[in-house]
N, C-alpha and C. Protein backbone atom coordinates (compact mmCIF):
# COMPACT_ATOMS: atom_id res chain seq x y z
N UNK A 1 -7.68 5.03 -14.19
CA UNK A 1 -7.69 4.37 -12.88
C UNK A 1 -8.76 5.01 -11.99
N UNK A 2 -9.66 4.19 -11.48
CA UNK A 2 -10.76 4.68 -10.66
C UNK A 2 -10.30 4.81 -9.21
N UNK A 3 -10.36 6.03 -8.67
CA UNK A 3 -9.84 6.27 -7.33
C UNK A 3 -10.73 5.71 -6.23
N UNK A 4 -12.04 5.72 -6.44
CA UNK A 4 -12.95 5.29 -5.38
C UNK A 4 -13.36 3.82 -5.50
N UNK A 5 -12.56 3.03 -6.18
CA UNK A 5 -12.85 1.60 -6.35
C UNK A 5 -12.86 0.88 -5.00
N UNK A 6 -13.83 -0.03 -4.84
CA UNK A 6 -13.92 -0.81 -3.60
C UNK A 6 -14.31 -2.24 -3.93
N UNK A 7 -13.58 -3.19 -3.35
CA UNK A 7 -13.92 -4.59 -3.52
C UNK A 7 -14.86 -5.00 -2.40
N UNK A 8 -16.08 -5.35 -2.75
CA UNK A 8 -17.05 -5.77 -1.75
C UNK A 8 -16.69 -7.17 -1.25
N UNK A 9 -16.59 -7.35 0.07
CA UNK A 9 -16.24 -8.68 0.61
C UNK A 9 -17.20 -9.75 0.11
N UNK A 10 -16.63 -10.86 -0.37
CA UNK A 10 -17.44 -11.92 -0.96
C UNK A 10 -17.43 -13.21 -0.16
N UNK A 11 -16.47 -13.38 0.73
CA UNK A 11 -16.38 -14.62 1.49
C UNK A 11 -15.75 -14.34 2.85
N UNK A 12 -15.55 -15.38 3.65
CA UNK A 12 -15.03 -15.20 5.00
C UNK A 12 -13.62 -14.61 4.97
N UNK A 13 -12.81 -15.00 3.99
CA UNK A 13 -11.46 -14.46 3.85
C UNK A 13 -11.51 -12.95 3.63
N UNK A 14 -12.38 -12.52 2.74
CA UNK A 14 -12.53 -11.09 2.47
C UNK A 14 -13.03 -10.34 3.70
N UNK A 15 -13.98 -10.93 4.41
CA UNK A 15 -14.55 -10.24 5.58
C UNK A 15 -13.52 -10.10 6.70
N UNK A 16 -12.66 -11.12 6.87
CA UNK A 16 -11.59 -11.02 7.86
C UNK A 16 -10.63 -9.90 7.47
N UNK A 17 -10.26 -9.86 6.20
CA UNK A 17 -9.33 -8.83 5.71
C UNK A 17 -9.94 -7.44 5.87
N UNK A 18 -11.21 -7.32 5.55
CA UNK A 18 -11.89 -6.02 5.62
C UNK A 18 -12.02 -5.56 7.08
N UNK A 19 -12.41 -6.48 7.96
CA UNK A 19 -12.55 -6.15 9.37
C UNK A 19 -11.22 -5.75 9.99
N UNK A 20 -10.16 -6.47 9.65
CA UNK A 20 -8.83 -6.18 10.17
C UNK A 20 -8.39 -4.78 9.72
N UNK A 21 -8.66 -4.46 8.46
CA UNK A 21 -8.29 -3.15 7.92
C UNK A 21 -9.06 -2.04 8.61
N UNK A 22 -10.36 -2.22 8.82
CA UNK A 22 -11.17 -1.20 9.46
C UNK A 22 -10.73 -0.96 10.91
N UNK A 23 -10.30 -2.03 11.58
CA UNK A 23 -9.80 -1.88 12.94
C UNK A 23 -8.55 -1.01 12.96
N UNK A 24 -7.62 -1.28 12.04
CA UNK A 24 -6.40 -0.49 11.98
C UNK A 24 -6.71 0.95 11.56
N UNK A 25 -7.71 1.14 10.72
CA UNK A 25 -8.12 2.48 10.32
C UNK A 25 -8.63 3.25 11.54
N UNK A 26 -9.40 2.57 12.38
CA UNK A 26 -9.93 3.19 13.60
C UNK A 26 -8.79 3.62 14.52
N UNK A 27 -7.79 2.76 14.66
CA UNK A 27 -6.64 3.08 15.50
C UNK A 27 -5.90 4.30 14.95
N UNK A 28 -5.68 4.32 13.63
CA UNK A 28 -4.98 5.44 13.00
C UNK A 28 -5.76 6.74 13.15
N UNK A 29 -7.08 6.69 12.95
CA UNK A 29 -7.91 7.88 13.07
C UNK A 29 -7.89 8.41 14.51
N UNK A 30 -7.92 7.48 15.47
CA UNK A 30 -7.93 7.88 16.88
C UNK A 30 -6.62 8.53 17.29
N UNK A 31 -5.52 7.96 16.82
CA UNK A 31 -4.21 8.45 17.25
C UNK A 31 -3.77 9.70 16.50
N UNK A 32 -3.98 9.74 15.16
CA UNK A 32 -3.44 10.83 14.36
C UNK A 32 -4.45 11.92 14.01
N UNK A 33 -5.74 11.56 14.02
CA UNK A 33 -6.78 12.51 13.62
C UNK A 33 -6.42 13.12 12.26
N UNK A 34 -6.20 14.46 12.19
CA UNK A 34 -5.93 15.09 10.90
C UNK A 34 -4.45 15.42 10.69
N UNK A 35 -3.59 14.78 11.44
CA UNK A 35 -2.14 14.98 11.25
C UNK A 35 -1.69 14.06 10.11
N UNK A 36 -2.08 14.42 8.89
CA UNK A 36 -1.92 13.51 7.75
C UNK A 36 -0.46 13.22 7.43
N UNK A 37 0.42 14.20 7.58
CA UNK A 37 1.82 13.96 7.31
C UNK A 37 2.42 12.94 8.26
N UNK A 38 2.11 13.09 9.55
CA UNK A 38 2.62 12.16 10.56
C UNK A 38 1.97 10.79 10.41
N UNK A 39 0.69 10.77 10.05
CA UNK A 39 0.00 9.50 9.78
C UNK A 39 0.69 8.77 8.64
N UNK A 40 1.04 9.51 7.60
CA UNK A 40 1.68 8.90 6.44
C UNK A 40 3.02 8.28 6.81
N UNK A 41 3.78 8.94 7.67
CA UNK A 41 5.09 8.41 8.08
C UNK A 41 4.94 7.04 8.72
N UNK A 42 4.02 6.94 9.69
CA UNK A 42 3.84 5.68 10.40
C UNK A 42 3.22 4.61 9.51
N UNK A 43 2.20 4.96 8.76
CA UNK A 43 1.50 3.98 7.95
C UNK A 43 2.35 3.50 6.76
N UNK A 44 3.16 4.39 6.18
CA UNK A 44 4.01 3.95 5.07
C UNK A 44 5.10 3.01 5.56
N UNK A 45 5.48 3.15 6.82
CA UNK A 45 6.45 2.21 7.39
C UNK A 45 5.88 0.80 7.38
N UNK A 46 4.59 0.69 7.72
CA UNK A 46 3.91 -0.60 7.72
C UNK A 46 3.62 -1.05 6.29
N UNK A 47 3.23 -0.09 5.45
CA UNK A 47 2.85 -0.42 4.07
C UNK A 47 4.00 -1.00 3.26
N UNK A 48 5.23 -0.70 3.66
CA UNK A 48 6.39 -1.21 2.93
C UNK A 48 6.71 -2.66 3.26
N UNK A 49 6.00 -3.23 4.24
CA UNK A 49 6.28 -4.59 4.69
C UNK A 49 5.69 -5.68 3.78
N UNK A 50 4.38 -5.62 3.43
CA UNK A 50 3.76 -6.74 2.70
C UNK A 50 4.46 -7.12 1.40
N UNK A 51 4.82 -6.13 0.58
CA UNK A 51 5.46 -6.46 -0.69
C UNK A 51 6.77 -7.19 -0.51
N UNK A 52 7.53 -6.80 0.51
CA UNK A 52 8.81 -7.45 0.76
C UNK A 52 8.63 -8.89 1.25
N UNK A 53 7.68 -9.08 2.17
CA UNK A 53 7.42 -10.43 2.68
C UNK A 53 6.87 -11.32 1.57
N UNK A 54 5.88 -10.81 0.83
CA UNK A 54 5.29 -11.61 -0.25
C UNK A 54 6.32 -11.91 -1.33
N UNK A 55 7.15 -10.93 -1.68
CA UNK A 55 8.18 -11.16 -2.68
C UNK A 55 9.20 -12.18 -2.22
N UNK A 56 9.59 -12.09 -0.95
CA UNK A 56 10.57 -13.04 -0.40
C UNK A 56 10.01 -14.46 -0.41
N UNK A 57 8.78 -14.63 0.08
CA UNK A 57 8.20 -15.97 0.13
C UNK A 57 7.94 -16.53 -1.26
N UNK A 58 7.55 -15.67 -2.18
CA UNK A 58 7.35 -16.11 -3.56
C UNK A 58 8.68 -16.51 -4.19
N UNK A 59 9.72 -15.77 -3.88
CA UNK A 59 11.07 -16.10 -4.36
C UNK A 59 11.50 -17.46 -3.83
N UNK A 60 11.31 -17.68 -2.53
CA UNK A 60 11.71 -18.95 -1.93
C UNK A 60 10.91 -20.12 -2.50
N UNK A 61 9.62 -19.88 -2.75
CA UNK A 61 8.79 -20.92 -3.35
C UNK A 61 9.26 -21.24 -4.76
N UNK A 62 9.62 -20.20 -5.52
CA UNK A 62 10.07 -20.39 -6.89
C UNK A 62 11.33 -21.24 -6.96
N UNK A 63 12.31 -20.95 -6.08
CA UNK A 63 13.55 -21.72 -6.13
C UNK A 63 13.39 -23.09 -5.48
N UNK A 64 12.43 -23.20 -4.56
CA UNK A 64 12.20 -24.51 -3.92
C UNK A 64 11.53 -25.47 -4.88
N UNK A 65 10.54 -24.97 -5.62
CA UNK A 65 9.80 -25.82 -6.55
C UNK A 65 10.39 -25.79 -7.96
N UNK A 66 11.40 -24.94 -8.14
CA UNK A 66 12.04 -24.77 -9.45
C UNK A 66 10.98 -24.49 -10.52
N UNK A 67 10.22 -23.43 -10.27
CA UNK A 67 9.18 -23.04 -11.21
C UNK A 67 9.16 -21.53 -11.37
N UNK A 68 8.62 -21.08 -12.49
CA UNK A 68 8.58 -19.66 -12.81
C UNK A 68 7.65 -18.93 -11.84
N UNK A 69 7.99 -17.68 -11.50
CA UNK A 69 7.18 -16.90 -10.55
C UNK A 69 6.09 -16.10 -11.23
N UNK A 70 5.98 -16.19 -12.56
CA UNK A 70 4.97 -15.47 -13.35
C UNK A 70 5.12 -13.95 -13.24
N UNK A 71 6.31 -13.49 -12.87
CA UNK A 71 6.55 -12.05 -12.80
C UNK A 71 6.15 -11.40 -11.49
N UNK A 72 5.66 -12.19 -10.54
CA UNK A 72 5.15 -11.60 -9.29
C UNK A 72 6.24 -11.13 -8.36
N UNK A 73 7.40 -11.74 -8.37
CA UNK A 73 8.46 -11.31 -7.44
C UNK A 73 8.83 -9.86 -7.70
N UNK A 74 9.08 -9.51 -8.95
CA UNK A 74 9.45 -8.13 -9.28
C UNK A 74 8.31 -7.17 -8.94
N UNK A 75 7.08 -7.56 -9.24
CA UNK A 75 5.93 -6.70 -8.95
C UNK A 75 5.83 -6.40 -7.46
N UNK A 76 5.98 -7.44 -6.65
CA UNK A 76 5.85 -7.28 -5.20
C UNK A 76 7.02 -6.49 -4.61
N UNK A 77 8.23 -6.76 -5.07
CA UNK A 77 9.38 -6.02 -4.55
C UNK A 77 9.37 -4.56 -5.02
N UNK A 78 8.88 -4.32 -6.23
CA UNK A 78 8.73 -2.94 -6.69
C UNK A 78 7.73 -2.19 -5.83
N UNK A 79 6.67 -2.89 -5.43
CA UNK A 79 5.67 -2.29 -4.56
C UNK A 79 6.30 -1.91 -3.22
N UNK A 80 7.09 -2.81 -2.65
CA UNK A 80 7.75 -2.54 -1.37
C UNK A 80 8.68 -1.34 -1.48
N UNK A 81 9.44 -1.26 -2.57
CA UNK A 81 10.36 -0.14 -2.77
C UNK A 81 9.60 1.17 -2.94
N UNK A 82 8.49 1.12 -3.66
CA UNK A 82 7.68 2.32 -3.86
C UNK A 82 7.14 2.83 -2.52
N UNK A 83 6.66 1.91 -1.68
CA UNK A 83 6.15 2.32 -0.37
C UNK A 83 7.28 2.86 0.51
N UNK A 84 8.47 2.29 0.39
CA UNK A 84 9.62 2.79 1.15
C UNK A 84 9.94 4.22 0.74
N UNK A 85 9.84 4.51 -0.56
CA UNK A 85 10.10 5.87 -1.03
C UNK A 85 9.04 6.84 -0.52
N UNK A 86 7.80 6.37 -0.42
CA UNK A 86 6.76 7.22 0.19
C UNK A 86 7.19 7.63 1.59
N UNK A 87 7.69 6.64 2.33
CA UNK A 87 8.15 6.92 3.70
C UNK A 87 9.27 7.94 3.71
N UNK A 88 10.26 7.76 2.86
CA UNK A 88 11.38 8.70 2.80
C UNK A 88 10.91 10.11 2.47
N UNK A 89 9.93 10.21 1.60
CA UNK A 89 9.38 11.51 1.22
C UNK A 89 8.68 12.18 2.39
N UNK A 90 7.81 11.43 3.08
CA UNK A 90 7.04 12.04 4.16
C UNK A 90 7.85 12.29 5.42
N UNK A 91 8.95 11.57 5.59
CA UNK A 91 9.87 11.88 6.69
C UNK A 91 10.42 13.29 6.50
N UNK A 92 10.68 13.67 5.24
CA UNK A 92 11.17 15.01 4.95
C UNK A 92 10.10 16.07 5.12
N UNK A 93 8.85 15.67 5.05
CA UNK A 93 7.74 16.62 5.16
C UNK A 93 7.26 16.77 6.60
N UNK A 94 7.07 15.65 7.28
CA UNK A 94 6.43 15.67 8.60
C UNK A 94 7.40 15.76 9.77
N UNK A 95 8.67 15.36 9.56
CA UNK A 95 9.65 15.37 10.63
C UNK A 95 9.12 14.64 11.87
N UNK A 96 9.08 13.30 11.86
CA UNK A 96 8.49 12.54 12.97
C UNK A 96 9.17 12.82 14.31
N UNK A 97 8.37 12.82 15.35
CA UNK A 97 8.88 13.05 16.70
C UNK A 97 9.54 11.77 17.22
N UNK A 98 10.20 11.89 18.36
CA UNK A 98 10.84 10.72 18.97
C UNK A 98 9.79 9.67 19.32
N UNK A 99 8.63 10.10 19.81
CA UNK A 99 7.56 9.16 20.15
C UNK A 99 7.07 8.43 18.91
N UNK A 100 6.92 9.14 17.81
CA UNK A 100 6.46 8.51 16.58
C UNK A 100 7.49 7.52 16.05
N UNK A 101 8.77 7.80 16.24
CA UNK A 101 9.81 6.86 15.82
C UNK A 101 9.74 5.57 16.64
N UNK A 102 9.41 5.70 17.92
CA UNK A 102 9.24 4.52 18.76
C UNK A 102 8.03 3.72 18.29
N UNK A 103 6.95 4.43 17.98
CA UNK A 103 5.73 3.78 17.48
C UNK A 103 6.02 3.05 16.18
N UNK A 104 6.85 3.67 15.32
CA UNK A 104 7.23 3.05 14.05
C UNK A 104 7.93 1.73 14.28
N UNK A 105 8.89 1.71 15.20
CA UNK A 105 9.64 0.49 15.50
C UNK A 105 8.72 -0.61 16.01
N UNK A 106 7.84 -0.25 16.93
CA UNK A 106 6.92 -1.24 17.52
C UNK A 106 5.94 -1.75 16.48
N UNK A 107 5.32 -0.80 15.74
CA UNK A 107 4.31 -1.17 14.74
C UNK A 107 4.91 -2.05 13.66
N UNK A 108 6.12 -1.70 13.21
CA UNK A 108 6.74 -2.48 12.15
C UNK A 108 7.09 -3.90 12.62
N UNK A 109 7.62 -4.00 13.82
CA UNK A 109 7.98 -5.32 14.36
C UNK A 109 6.75 -6.22 14.48
N UNK A 110 5.68 -5.67 15.05
CA UNK A 110 4.45 -6.45 15.23
C UNK A 110 3.86 -6.84 13.87
N UNK A 111 3.84 -5.87 12.94
CA UNK A 111 3.19 -6.13 11.66
C UNK A 111 3.98 -7.12 10.81
N UNK A 112 5.32 -7.08 10.90
CA UNK A 112 6.13 -8.04 10.15
C UNK A 112 5.77 -9.46 10.56
N UNK A 113 5.73 -9.72 11.85
CA UNK A 113 5.40 -11.06 12.34
C UNK A 113 3.96 -11.44 11.98
N UNK A 114 3.05 -10.49 12.14
CA UNK A 114 1.64 -10.75 11.87
C UNK A 114 1.41 -11.05 10.39
N UNK A 115 1.97 -10.22 9.51
CA UNK A 115 1.74 -10.41 8.09
C UNK A 115 2.43 -11.66 7.57
N UNK A 116 3.61 -11.97 8.10
CA UNK A 116 4.31 -13.20 7.72
C UNK A 116 3.45 -14.42 8.05
N UNK A 117 2.86 -14.42 9.23
CA UNK A 117 1.99 -15.52 9.65
C UNK A 117 0.76 -15.61 8.75
N UNK A 118 0.14 -14.48 8.47
CA UNK A 118 -1.06 -14.47 7.62
C UNK A 118 -0.73 -14.97 6.22
N UNK A 119 0.42 -14.54 5.68
CA UNK A 119 0.78 -14.91 4.31
C UNK A 119 1.05 -16.41 4.20
N UNK A 120 1.67 -16.97 5.23
CA UNK A 120 1.93 -18.41 5.23
C UNK A 120 0.63 -19.20 5.31
N UNK A 121 -0.31 -18.71 6.11
CA UNK A 121 -1.60 -19.40 6.30
C UNK A 121 -2.50 -19.23 5.08
N UNK A 122 -2.60 -17.98 4.57
CA UNK A 122 -3.51 -17.71 3.45
C UNK A 122 -3.01 -16.53 2.63
N UNK A 123 -2.40 -16.82 1.49
CA UNK A 123 -1.93 -15.76 0.61
C UNK A 123 -3.11 -14.91 0.12
N UNK A 124 -4.22 -15.55 -0.13
CA UNK A 124 -5.39 -14.83 -0.61
C UNK A 124 -5.81 -13.76 0.38
N UNK A 125 -5.91 -14.13 1.66
CA UNK A 125 -6.31 -13.16 2.68
C UNK A 125 -5.26 -12.07 2.82
N UNK A 126 -3.98 -12.46 2.73
CA UNK A 126 -2.89 -11.49 2.88
C UNK A 126 -2.97 -10.42 1.78
N UNK A 127 -3.18 -10.84 0.54
CA UNK A 127 -3.26 -9.87 -0.55
C UNK A 127 -4.55 -9.05 -0.48
N UNK A 128 -5.62 -9.66 0.00
CA UNK A 128 -6.86 -8.90 0.15
C UNK A 128 -6.69 -7.82 1.22
N UNK A 129 -5.97 -8.14 2.29
CA UNK A 129 -5.70 -7.15 3.33
C UNK A 129 -4.98 -5.95 2.72
N UNK A 130 -3.97 -6.21 1.91
CA UNK A 130 -3.23 -5.11 1.29
C UNK A 130 -4.14 -4.31 0.36
N UNK A 131 -5.00 -5.02 -0.37
CA UNK A 131 -5.96 -4.32 -1.23
C UNK A 131 -6.82 -3.36 -0.44
N UNK A 132 -7.31 -3.81 0.72
CA UNK A 132 -8.13 -2.94 1.56
C UNK A 132 -7.31 -1.85 2.23
N UNK A 133 -6.06 -2.19 2.61
CA UNK A 133 -5.16 -1.16 3.14
C UNK A 133 -5.03 -0.01 2.15
N UNK A 134 -4.83 -0.39 0.89
CA UNK A 134 -4.60 0.63 -0.13
C UNK A 134 -5.88 1.41 -0.43
N UNK A 135 -7.03 0.77 -0.30
CA UNK A 135 -8.29 1.53 -0.42
C UNK A 135 -8.33 2.64 0.62
N UNK A 136 -7.96 2.29 1.85
CA UNK A 136 -7.95 3.27 2.93
C UNK A 136 -6.89 4.34 2.68
N UNK A 137 -5.76 3.93 2.11
CA UNK A 137 -4.70 4.89 1.81
C UNK A 137 -5.18 5.92 0.79
N UNK A 138 -5.87 5.45 -0.24
CA UNK A 138 -6.43 6.37 -1.25
C UNK A 138 -7.39 7.34 -0.58
N UNK A 139 -8.23 6.83 0.31
CA UNK A 139 -9.19 7.67 1.02
C UNK A 139 -8.47 8.70 1.89
N UNK A 140 -7.43 8.27 2.60
CA UNK A 140 -6.69 9.18 3.49
C UNK A 140 -5.98 10.27 2.70
N UNK A 141 -5.37 9.89 1.56
CA UNK A 141 -4.67 10.89 0.77
C UNK A 141 -5.65 11.84 0.08
N UNK A 142 -6.86 11.39 -0.19
CA UNK A 142 -7.90 12.29 -0.71
C UNK A 142 -8.28 13.31 0.35
N UNK A 143 -8.40 12.86 1.60
CA UNK A 143 -8.66 13.79 2.70
C UNK A 143 -7.50 14.78 2.86
N UNK A 144 -6.29 14.28 2.71
CA UNK A 144 -5.09 15.11 2.76
C UNK A 144 -5.19 16.23 1.72
N UNK A 145 -5.57 15.86 0.49
CA UNK A 145 -5.71 16.84 -0.58
C UNK A 145 -6.80 17.86 -0.28
N UNK A 146 -7.90 17.39 0.32
CA UNK A 146 -8.99 18.30 0.69
C UNK A 146 -8.51 19.35 1.69
N UNK A 147 -7.68 18.92 2.64
CA UNK A 147 -7.14 19.86 3.63
C UNK A 147 -6.22 20.88 2.96
N UNK A 148 -5.43 20.44 2.00
CA UNK A 148 -4.55 21.35 1.27
C UNK A 148 -5.35 22.32 0.42
N UNK A 149 -6.37 21.82 -0.26
CA UNK A 149 -7.17 22.66 -1.15
C UNK A 149 -8.01 23.68 -0.39
N UNK A 150 -8.42 23.32 0.82
CA UNK A 150 -9.25 24.23 1.62
C UNK A 150 -8.41 25.27 2.37
N UNK A 151 -7.10 25.08 2.37
CA UNK A 151 -6.24 26.01 3.09
C UNK A 151 -6.03 25.66 4.54
N UNK A 152 -6.62 24.54 4.98
CA UNK A 152 -6.44 24.11 6.37
C UNK A 152 -4.99 23.69 6.62
N UNK A 153 -4.31 23.22 5.58
CA UNK A 153 -2.90 22.87 5.65
C UNK A 153 -2.13 23.67 4.61
N UNK A 154 -0.91 24.04 4.96
CA UNK A 154 -0.08 24.83 4.05
C UNK A 154 0.45 23.95 2.92
N UNK A 155 0.26 24.43 1.71
CA UNK A 155 0.75 23.71 0.53
C UNK A 155 2.20 24.13 0.26
N UNK A 156 3.11 23.58 1.04
CA UNK A 156 4.51 23.97 0.98
C UNK A 156 5.22 23.36 -0.23
N UNK A 157 6.42 23.83 -0.53
CA UNK A 157 7.18 23.26 -1.66
C UNK A 157 7.47 21.78 -1.45
N UNK A 158 7.49 21.03 -2.54
CA UNK A 158 7.79 19.60 -2.47
C UNK A 158 9.25 19.40 -2.09
N UNK A 159 9.55 18.39 -1.26
CA UNK A 159 10.95 18.12 -0.93
C UNK A 159 11.70 17.60 -2.16
N UNK A 160 13.01 17.81 -2.17
CA UNK A 160 13.84 17.42 -3.31
C UNK A 160 13.73 15.94 -3.62
N UNK A 161 13.66 15.11 -2.58
CA UNK A 161 13.59 13.66 -2.80
C UNK A 161 12.35 13.29 -3.60
N UNK A 162 11.24 13.99 -3.37
CA UNK A 162 10.01 13.72 -4.12
C UNK A 162 10.12 14.22 -5.55
N UNK A 163 10.73 15.39 -5.72
CA UNK A 163 10.92 15.94 -7.07
C UNK A 163 11.78 15.00 -7.91
N UNK A 164 12.84 14.48 -7.29
CA UNK A 164 13.72 13.56 -8.02
C UNK A 164 13.05 12.23 -8.32
N UNK A 165 12.31 11.69 -7.35
CA UNK A 165 11.70 10.38 -7.52
C UNK A 165 10.59 10.39 -8.56
N UNK A 166 9.76 11.43 -8.52
CA UNK A 166 8.62 11.51 -9.44
C UNK A 166 8.92 12.36 -10.68
N UNK A 167 10.16 12.87 -10.78
CA UNK A 167 10.53 13.72 -11.90
C UNK A 167 9.56 14.90 -12.03
N UNK A 168 9.31 15.55 -10.91
CA UNK A 168 8.40 16.69 -10.87
C UNK A 168 9.14 17.98 -11.22
N UNK A 169 8.41 19.01 -11.65
CA UNK A 169 9.07 20.30 -11.91
C UNK A 169 9.61 20.88 -10.60
N UNK A 170 10.61 21.74 -10.71
CA UNK A 170 11.27 22.28 -9.52
C UNK A 170 10.33 23.11 -8.64
N UNK A 171 9.26 23.63 -9.24
CA UNK A 171 8.31 24.44 -8.46
C UNK A 171 7.15 23.59 -7.91
N UNK A 172 7.28 22.29 -7.96
CA UNK A 172 6.20 21.40 -7.48
C UNK A 172 5.93 21.63 -6.00
N UNK A 173 4.69 21.35 -5.60
CA UNK A 173 4.27 21.56 -4.22
C UNK A 173 3.91 20.24 -3.54
N UNK A 174 3.61 20.32 -2.26
CA UNK A 174 3.18 19.16 -1.50
C UNK A 174 1.97 18.52 -2.15
N UNK A 175 1.05 19.34 -2.66
CA UNK A 175 -0.14 18.79 -3.30
C UNK A 175 0.22 17.90 -4.48
N UNK A 176 1.18 18.31 -5.28
CA UNK A 176 1.62 17.51 -6.42
C UNK A 176 2.14 16.15 -5.96
N UNK A 177 2.86 16.16 -4.84
CA UNK A 177 3.41 14.92 -4.30
C UNK A 177 2.30 13.99 -3.84
N UNK A 178 1.34 14.55 -3.09
CA UNK A 178 0.25 13.73 -2.56
C UNK A 178 -0.57 13.11 -3.69
N UNK A 179 -0.78 13.86 -4.76
CA UNK A 179 -1.51 13.33 -5.93
C UNK A 179 -0.77 12.12 -6.50
N UNK A 180 0.55 12.21 -6.64
CA UNK A 180 1.31 11.10 -7.19
C UNK A 180 1.34 9.89 -6.25
N UNK A 181 1.45 10.15 -4.97
CA UNK A 181 1.44 9.05 -3.99
C UNK A 181 0.09 8.35 -4.01
N UNK A 182 -0.99 9.14 -4.10
CA UNK A 182 -2.33 8.54 -4.15
C UNK A 182 -2.49 7.66 -5.38
N UNK A 183 -1.93 8.07 -6.50
CA UNK A 183 -1.99 7.25 -7.72
C UNK A 183 -1.25 5.93 -7.50
N UNK A 184 -0.10 6.00 -6.84
CA UNK A 184 0.65 4.77 -6.53
C UNK A 184 -0.19 3.81 -5.70
N UNK A 185 -0.84 4.36 -4.67
CA UNK A 185 -1.62 3.52 -3.76
C UNK A 185 -2.81 2.88 -4.49
N UNK A 186 -3.42 3.63 -5.39
CA UNK A 186 -4.52 3.07 -6.18
C UNK A 186 -4.03 1.91 -7.04
N UNK A 187 -2.83 2.05 -7.58
CA UNK A 187 -2.26 0.96 -8.37
C UNK A 187 -1.98 -0.27 -7.53
N UNK A 188 -1.42 -0.08 -6.34
CA UNK A 188 -1.16 -1.21 -5.44
C UNK A 188 -2.47 -1.87 -5.02
N UNK A 189 -3.49 -1.07 -4.81
CA UNK A 189 -4.82 -1.60 -4.46
C UNK A 189 -5.31 -2.56 -5.54
N UNK A 190 -5.25 -2.12 -6.78
CA UNK A 190 -5.77 -2.93 -7.88
C UNK A 190 -4.96 -4.21 -8.07
N UNK A 191 -3.63 -4.10 -7.95
CA UNK A 191 -2.77 -5.28 -8.11
C UNK A 191 -3.07 -6.32 -7.05
N UNK A 192 -3.17 -5.90 -5.80
CA UNK A 192 -3.38 -6.87 -4.72
C UNK A 192 -4.79 -7.45 -4.73
N UNK A 193 -5.78 -6.65 -5.05
CA UNK A 193 -7.14 -7.21 -5.18
C UNK A 193 -7.19 -8.20 -6.35
N UNK A 194 -6.51 -7.89 -7.43
CA UNK A 194 -6.49 -8.79 -8.59
C UNK A 194 -5.81 -10.11 -8.23
N UNK A 195 -4.70 -10.04 -7.51
CA UNK A 195 -4.00 -11.25 -7.14
C UNK A 195 -4.83 -12.08 -6.17
N UNK A 196 -5.51 -11.41 -5.24
CA UNK A 196 -6.40 -12.14 -4.33
C UNK A 196 -7.51 -12.83 -5.10
N UNK A 197 -8.04 -12.17 -6.14
CA UNK A 197 -9.08 -12.77 -6.98
C UNK A 197 -8.54 -14.00 -7.71
N UNK A 198 -7.32 -13.88 -8.21
CA UNK A 198 -6.69 -15.01 -8.90
C UNK A 198 -6.57 -16.20 -7.96
N UNK A 199 -6.08 -15.95 -6.75
CA UNK A 199 -5.92 -17.01 -5.76
C UNK A 199 -7.27 -17.56 -5.32
N UNK A 200 -8.26 -16.69 -5.23
CA UNK A 200 -9.60 -17.11 -4.81
C UNK A 200 -10.21 -18.06 -5.83
N UNK A 201 -9.94 -17.79 -7.11
CA UNK A 201 -10.49 -18.63 -8.18
C UNK A 201 -9.58 -19.80 -8.54
N UNK A 202 -8.43 -19.86 -7.81
CA UNK A 202 -7.44 -20.92 -8.04
C UNK A 202 -6.99 -20.96 -9.49
N UNK A 203 -6.81 -19.76 -10.06
CA UNK A 203 -6.35 -19.65 -11.43
C UNK A 203 -4.85 -19.35 -11.46
N UNK A 204 -4.19 -19.85 -12.47
CA UNK A 204 -2.80 -19.49 -12.70
C UNK A 204 -2.77 -18.03 -13.17
N UNK A 205 -1.85 -17.21 -12.65
CA UNK A 205 -1.79 -15.80 -13.07
C UNK A 205 -1.73 -15.62 -14.58
N UNK A 206 -1.01 -16.48 -15.29
CA UNK A 206 -0.94 -16.36 -16.75
C UNK A 206 -2.28 -16.66 -17.40
N UNK A 207 -3.01 -17.63 -16.83
CA UNK A 207 -4.34 -17.95 -17.35
C UNK A 207 -5.27 -16.76 -17.14
N UNK A 208 -5.17 -16.13 -15.98
CA UNK A 208 -6.01 -14.97 -15.69
C UNK A 208 -5.69 -13.83 -16.66
N UNK A 209 -4.40 -13.64 -16.93
CA UNK A 209 -3.99 -12.59 -17.85
C UNK A 209 -4.54 -12.85 -19.24
N UNK A 210 -4.46 -14.10 -19.69
CA UNK A 210 -4.99 -14.44 -21.00
C UNK A 210 -6.50 -14.24 -21.07
N UNK A 211 -7.18 -14.59 -19.96
CA UNK A 211 -8.64 -14.40 -19.90
C UNK A 211 -8.99 -12.93 -20.03
N UNK A 212 -8.26 -12.07 -19.32
CA UNK A 212 -8.52 -10.64 -19.38
C UNK A 212 -8.24 -10.07 -20.77
N UNK A 213 -7.18 -10.59 -21.42
CA UNK A 213 -6.87 -10.13 -22.77
C UNK A 213 -7.98 -10.49 -23.75
N UNK A 214 -8.53 -11.72 -23.60
CA UNK A 214 -9.62 -12.13 -24.48
C UNK A 214 -10.85 -11.29 -24.29
N UNK A 215 -11.13 -10.91 -23.00
CA UNK A 215 -12.30 -10.10 -22.72
C UNK A 215 -12.17 -8.70 -23.31
N UNK A 216 -10.92 -8.20 -23.35
CA UNK A 216 -10.71 -6.84 -23.84
C UNK A 216 -10.70 -6.75 -25.35
N UNK A 217 -10.55 -7.91 -26.04
CA UNK A 217 -10.48 -7.92 -27.50
C UNK A 217 -11.87 -8.06 -28.13
């Protein structure tokens, strides 16, 4: 899995998604600066939203049209659950303040409505946004690791919830957790960019899968 992968915007949908992501990145950088643990708490709260909304709408479409979901419902809901676990882990690490909890409530409420609207209007743009979100997440967690490796941040013991979730050794550290979370985010990035590509080309997901299998053989 390539950590520094980037999807270059190819059309107006991609450029809107990319611009929206960069704006939110600017807001996060301005507010949190290098408080990576606190940044993770707030951003993972938002990151857990898209998979749930996309999974729900895909589920409703499947039962409305009485057609197979091509496996996307489970993929999207698994993504939402994984992001929720990231949040639970970093809550144990960063201990959010009362102000940050208020920000979480406001940010989540606004983003739920915003992403729901975007997904209804354009699934392609919605998944591209998540792809770009995850690119930024990979970048942020790489910076987090740099701070830990340089000694700027204390590499404390991993919380029990992270050890249990990732099946880490009992002596695992915060760095081990951040590495695993970054791998998760890279996977979500690739999945959402791939789905946006499928929608952009108006291909059936199964057709795309078969095409990729033929190319690899």
